[in-house]
């Protein structure tokens, strides 16, 4: 069994990163007055879906690797 310090939740990291980036965009644009242009959500959401899919695949691979390390060798 893995403890909380041994877990790495890539999904939470991805969602946190997206929230951080969107917040930084609006902070720079609205508060500091940088002219960053509008966010085009029609172009951004497919990238987010792809990133989420990649993170899920890497999570599965990581869990399989951990399971292989914990199982004793056969024979």
N, C-alpha and C. Protein backbone atom coordinates (compact mmCIF):
# COMPACT_ATOMS: atom_id res chain seq x y z
N UNK A 1 0.84 -1.17 0.00
CA UNK A 1 0.00 0.00 0.00
C UNK A 1 0.89 1.24 0.00
N UNK A 2 0.54 2.21 -0.81
CA UNK A 2 1.34 3.42 -0.88
C UNK A 2 0.76 4.49 0.03
N UNK A 3 1.63 5.23 0.65
CA UNK A 3 1.21 6.31 1.52
C UNK A 3 0.97 7.57 0.73
N UNK A 4 0.43 8.59 1.39
CA UNK A 4 0.13 9.84 0.69
C UNK A 4 1.37 10.49 0.07
N UNK A 5 2.53 10.33 0.70
CA UNK A 5 3.73 10.95 0.16
C UNK A 5 4.25 10.23 -1.08
N UNK A 6 3.83 8.97 -1.29
CA UNK A 6 4.30 8.20 -2.43
C UNK A 6 3.39 8.36 -3.64
N UNK A 7 2.21 8.92 -3.48
CA UNK A 7 1.28 9.09 -4.58
C UNK A 7 1.57 10.37 -5.34
N UNK A 8 1.33 10.31 -6.63
CA UNK A 8 1.47 11.49 -7.48
C UNK A 8 0.26 11.49 -8.40
N UNK A 9 -0.67 12.39 -8.14
CA UNK A 9 -1.90 12.42 -8.91
C UNK A 9 -1.75 13.38 -10.08
N UNK A 10 -1.50 12.83 -11.26
CA UNK A 10 -1.25 13.66 -12.43
C UNK A 10 -2.49 14.42 -12.85
N UNK A 11 -3.67 13.85 -12.62
CA UNK A 11 -4.91 14.55 -12.95
C UNK A 11 -5.08 15.82 -12.14
N UNK A 12 -4.81 15.72 -10.84
CA UNK A 12 -4.90 16.89 -9.98
C UNK A 12 -3.86 17.93 -10.38
N UNK A 13 -2.69 17.48 -10.74
CA UNK A 13 -1.65 18.40 -11.18
C UNK A 13 -2.06 19.10 -12.47
N UNK A 14 -2.65 18.37 -13.40
CA UNK A 14 -3.09 18.95 -14.66
C UNK A 14 -4.19 19.98 -14.44
N UNK A 15 -5.19 19.64 -13.65
CA UNK A 15 -6.28 20.58 -13.40
C UNK A 15 -5.77 21.79 -12.64
N UNK A 16 -4.92 21.59 -11.68
CA UNK A 16 -4.33 22.72 -10.97
C UNK A 16 -3.53 23.62 -11.88
N UNK A 17 -2.79 23.02 -12.80
CA UNK A 17 -2.01 23.81 -13.76
C UNK A 17 -2.89 24.62 -14.69
N UNK A 18 -4.00 24.02 -15.14
CA UNK A 18 -4.92 24.75 -16.01
C UNK A 18 -5.54 25.93 -15.26
N UNK A 19 -5.97 25.70 -14.04
CA UNK A 19 -6.55 26.78 -13.24
C UNK A 19 -5.52 27.88 -13.01
N UNK A 20 -4.29 27.49 -12.73
CA UNK A 20 -3.22 28.47 -12.53
C UNK A 20 -2.98 29.30 -13.80
N UNK A 21 -2.92 28.64 -14.94
CA UNK A 21 -2.67 29.36 -16.20
C UNK A 21 -3.81 30.30 -16.56
N UNK A 22 -5.04 29.84 -16.40
CA UNK A 22 -6.19 30.71 -16.71
C UNK A 22 -6.22 31.89 -15.74
N UNK A 23 -5.96 31.64 -14.47
CA UNK A 23 -5.93 32.73 -13.49
C UNK A 23 -4.82 33.73 -13.79
N UNK A 24 -3.65 33.23 -14.17
CA UNK A 24 -2.53 34.13 -14.51
C UNK A 24 -2.86 34.95 -15.74
N UNK A 25 -3.52 34.33 -16.72
CA UNK A 25 -3.92 35.06 -17.93
C UNK A 25 -4.84 36.23 -17.57
N UNK A 26 -5.88 35.94 -16.80
CA UNK A 26 -6.83 37.00 -16.46
C UNK A 26 -6.19 38.04 -15.53
N UNK A 27 -5.31 37.63 -14.66
CA UNK A 27 -4.61 38.58 -13.79
C UNK A 27 -3.76 39.54 -14.63
N UNK A 28 -2.98 38.98 -15.55
CA UNK A 28 -2.14 39.83 -16.41
C UNK A 28 -2.98 40.74 -17.30
N UNK A 29 -4.07 40.21 -17.83
CA UNK A 29 -4.90 40.96 -18.76
C UNK A 29 -5.73 42.04 -18.05
N UNK A 30 -6.42 41.68 -16.99
CA UNK A 30 -7.36 42.61 -16.36
C UNK A 30 -6.73 43.48 -15.28
N UNK A 31 -5.82 42.93 -14.50
CA UNK A 31 -5.27 43.68 -13.38
C UNK A 31 -4.05 44.49 -13.78
N UNK A 32 -3.12 43.88 -14.49
CA UNK A 32 -1.89 44.57 -14.84
C UNK A 32 -1.96 45.28 -16.19
N UNK A 33 -3.02 45.05 -16.95
CA UNK A 33 -3.23 45.77 -18.19
C UNK A 33 -2.46 45.26 -19.39
N UNK A 34 -1.92 44.06 -19.34
CA UNK A 34 -1.27 43.48 -20.52
C UNK A 34 -2.33 43.17 -21.57
N UNK A 35 -2.04 43.49 -22.82
CA UNK A 35 -2.99 43.21 -23.89
C UNK A 35 -2.67 41.83 -24.47
N UNK A 36 -3.30 40.81 -23.92
CA UNK A 36 -3.02 39.44 -24.33
C UNK A 36 -3.99 38.92 -25.38
N UNK A 37 -5.03 39.67 -25.67
CA UNK A 37 -6.03 39.21 -26.63
C UNK A 37 -6.99 38.24 -25.97
N UNK A 38 -8.08 37.95 -26.64
CA UNK A 38 -9.08 37.06 -26.04
C UNK A 38 -8.63 35.60 -26.06
N UNK A 39 -9.09 34.85 -25.06
CA UNK A 39 -8.86 33.41 -25.06
C UNK A 39 -9.82 32.77 -26.04
N UNK A 40 -9.32 31.93 -26.89
CA UNK A 40 -10.15 31.22 -27.85
C UNK A 40 -10.41 29.82 -27.30
N UNK A 41 -11.51 29.67 -26.56
CA UNK A 41 -11.81 28.39 -25.91
C UNK A 41 -12.07 27.29 -26.93
N UNK A 42 -12.51 27.65 -28.14
CA UNK A 42 -12.72 26.63 -29.18
C UNK A 42 -11.42 25.95 -29.57
N UNK A 43 -10.31 26.65 -29.43
CA UNK A 43 -9.01 26.07 -29.76
C UNK A 43 -8.34 25.46 -28.53
N UNK A 44 -8.71 25.91 -27.34
CA UNK A 44 -8.03 25.45 -26.12
C UNK A 44 -8.59 24.14 -25.59
N UNK A 45 -9.92 23.94 -25.64
CA UNK A 45 -10.47 22.75 -24.99
C UNK A 45 -9.97 21.44 -25.60
N UNK A 46 -9.74 21.32 -26.93
CA UNK A 46 -9.19 20.04 -27.41
C UNK A 46 -7.80 19.75 -26.85
N UNK A 47 -7.01 20.79 -26.66
CA UNK A 47 -5.68 20.60 -26.08
C UNK A 47 -5.79 20.08 -24.65
N UNK A 48 -6.75 20.60 -23.90
CA UNK A 48 -6.96 20.14 -22.53
C UNK A 48 -7.41 18.68 -22.49
N UNK A 49 -8.26 18.30 -23.42
CA UNK A 49 -8.71 16.90 -23.48
C UNK A 49 -7.55 15.98 -23.83
N UNK A 50 -6.71 16.38 -24.77
CA UNK A 50 -5.53 15.59 -25.14
C UNK A 50 -4.59 15.46 -23.95
N UNK A 51 -4.35 16.56 -23.25
CA UNK A 51 -3.46 16.52 -22.08
C UNK A 51 -4.02 15.62 -20.99
N UNK A 52 -5.32 15.65 -20.78
CA UNK A 52 -5.93 14.77 -19.79
C UNK A 52 -5.77 13.31 -20.19
N UNK A 53 -5.98 13.00 -21.47
CA UNK A 53 -5.81 11.63 -21.95
C UNK A 53 -4.38 11.14 -21.78
N UNK A 54 -3.42 11.98 -22.10
CA UNK A 54 -2.01 11.62 -21.93
C UNK A 54 -1.70 11.38 -20.45
N UNK A 55 -2.24 12.22 -19.58
CA UNK A 55 -1.99 12.04 -18.15
C UNK A 55 -2.58 10.74 -17.64
N UNK A 56 -3.76 10.36 -18.15
CA UNK A 56 -4.37 9.09 -17.74
C UNK A 56 -3.51 7.93 -18.21
N UNK A 57 -3.02 7.99 -19.44
CA UNK A 57 -2.17 6.91 -19.95
C UNK A 57 -0.88 6.77 -19.15
N UNK A 58 -0.25 7.90 -18.83
CA UNK A 58 0.96 7.84 -18.02
C UNK A 58 0.67 7.33 -16.62
N UNK A 59 -0.50 7.66 -16.08
CA UNK A 59 -0.89 7.16 -14.76
C UNK A 59 -1.04 5.65 -14.76
N UNK A 60 -1.66 5.11 -15.81
CA UNK A 60 -1.82 3.65 -15.92
C UNK A 60 -0.45 3.00 -16.02
N UNK A 61 0.42 3.57 -16.84
CA UNK A 61 1.77 3.00 -17.02
C UNK A 61 2.54 3.02 -15.70
N UNK A 62 2.42 4.12 -14.96
CA UNK A 62 3.12 4.24 -13.68
C UNK A 62 2.61 3.22 -12.67
N UNK A 63 1.27 3.04 -12.63
CA UNK A 63 0.71 2.05 -11.70
C UNK A 63 1.15 0.65 -12.07
N UNK A 64 1.21 0.32 -13.36
CA UNK A 64 1.67 -1.00 -13.79
C UNK A 64 3.13 -1.23 -13.39
N UNK A 65 3.94 -0.21 -13.53
CA UNK A 65 5.35 -0.33 -13.17
C UNK A 65 5.51 -0.56 -11.68
N UNK A 66 4.73 0.16 -10.87
CA UNK A 66 4.78 -0.04 -9.42
C UNK A 66 4.34 -1.44 -9.03
N UNK A 67 3.28 -1.92 -9.69
CA UNK A 67 2.78 -3.26 -9.39
C UNK A 67 3.83 -4.30 -9.71
N UNK A 68 4.52 -4.13 -10.83
CA UNK A 68 5.57 -5.07 -11.22
C UNK A 68 6.72 -5.06 -10.22
N UNK A 69 7.02 -3.93 -9.65
CA UNK A 69 8.12 -3.85 -8.68
C UNK A 69 7.74 -4.50 -7.34
N UNK A 70 6.46 -4.49 -7.01
CA UNK A 70 6.02 -5.05 -5.72
C UNK A 70 5.84 -6.55 -5.76
N UNK A 71 5.52 -7.11 -6.94
CA UNK A 71 5.27 -8.55 -7.03
C UNK A 71 6.58 -9.32 -7.00
N UNK A 72 6.63 -10.39 -6.24
CA UNK A 72 7.86 -11.20 -6.24
C UNK A 72 8.00 -11.93 -7.56
N UNK A 73 9.23 -12.18 -8.00
CA UNK A 73 9.44 -12.90 -9.26
C UNK A 73 8.95 -14.32 -9.16
N UNK A 74 8.42 -14.85 -10.27
CA UNK A 74 7.93 -16.22 -10.31
C UNK A 74 9.12 -17.17 -10.51
N UNK A 75 9.01 -18.31 -9.88
CA UNK A 75 10.04 -19.32 -10.12
C UNK A 75 10.79 -19.66 -8.96
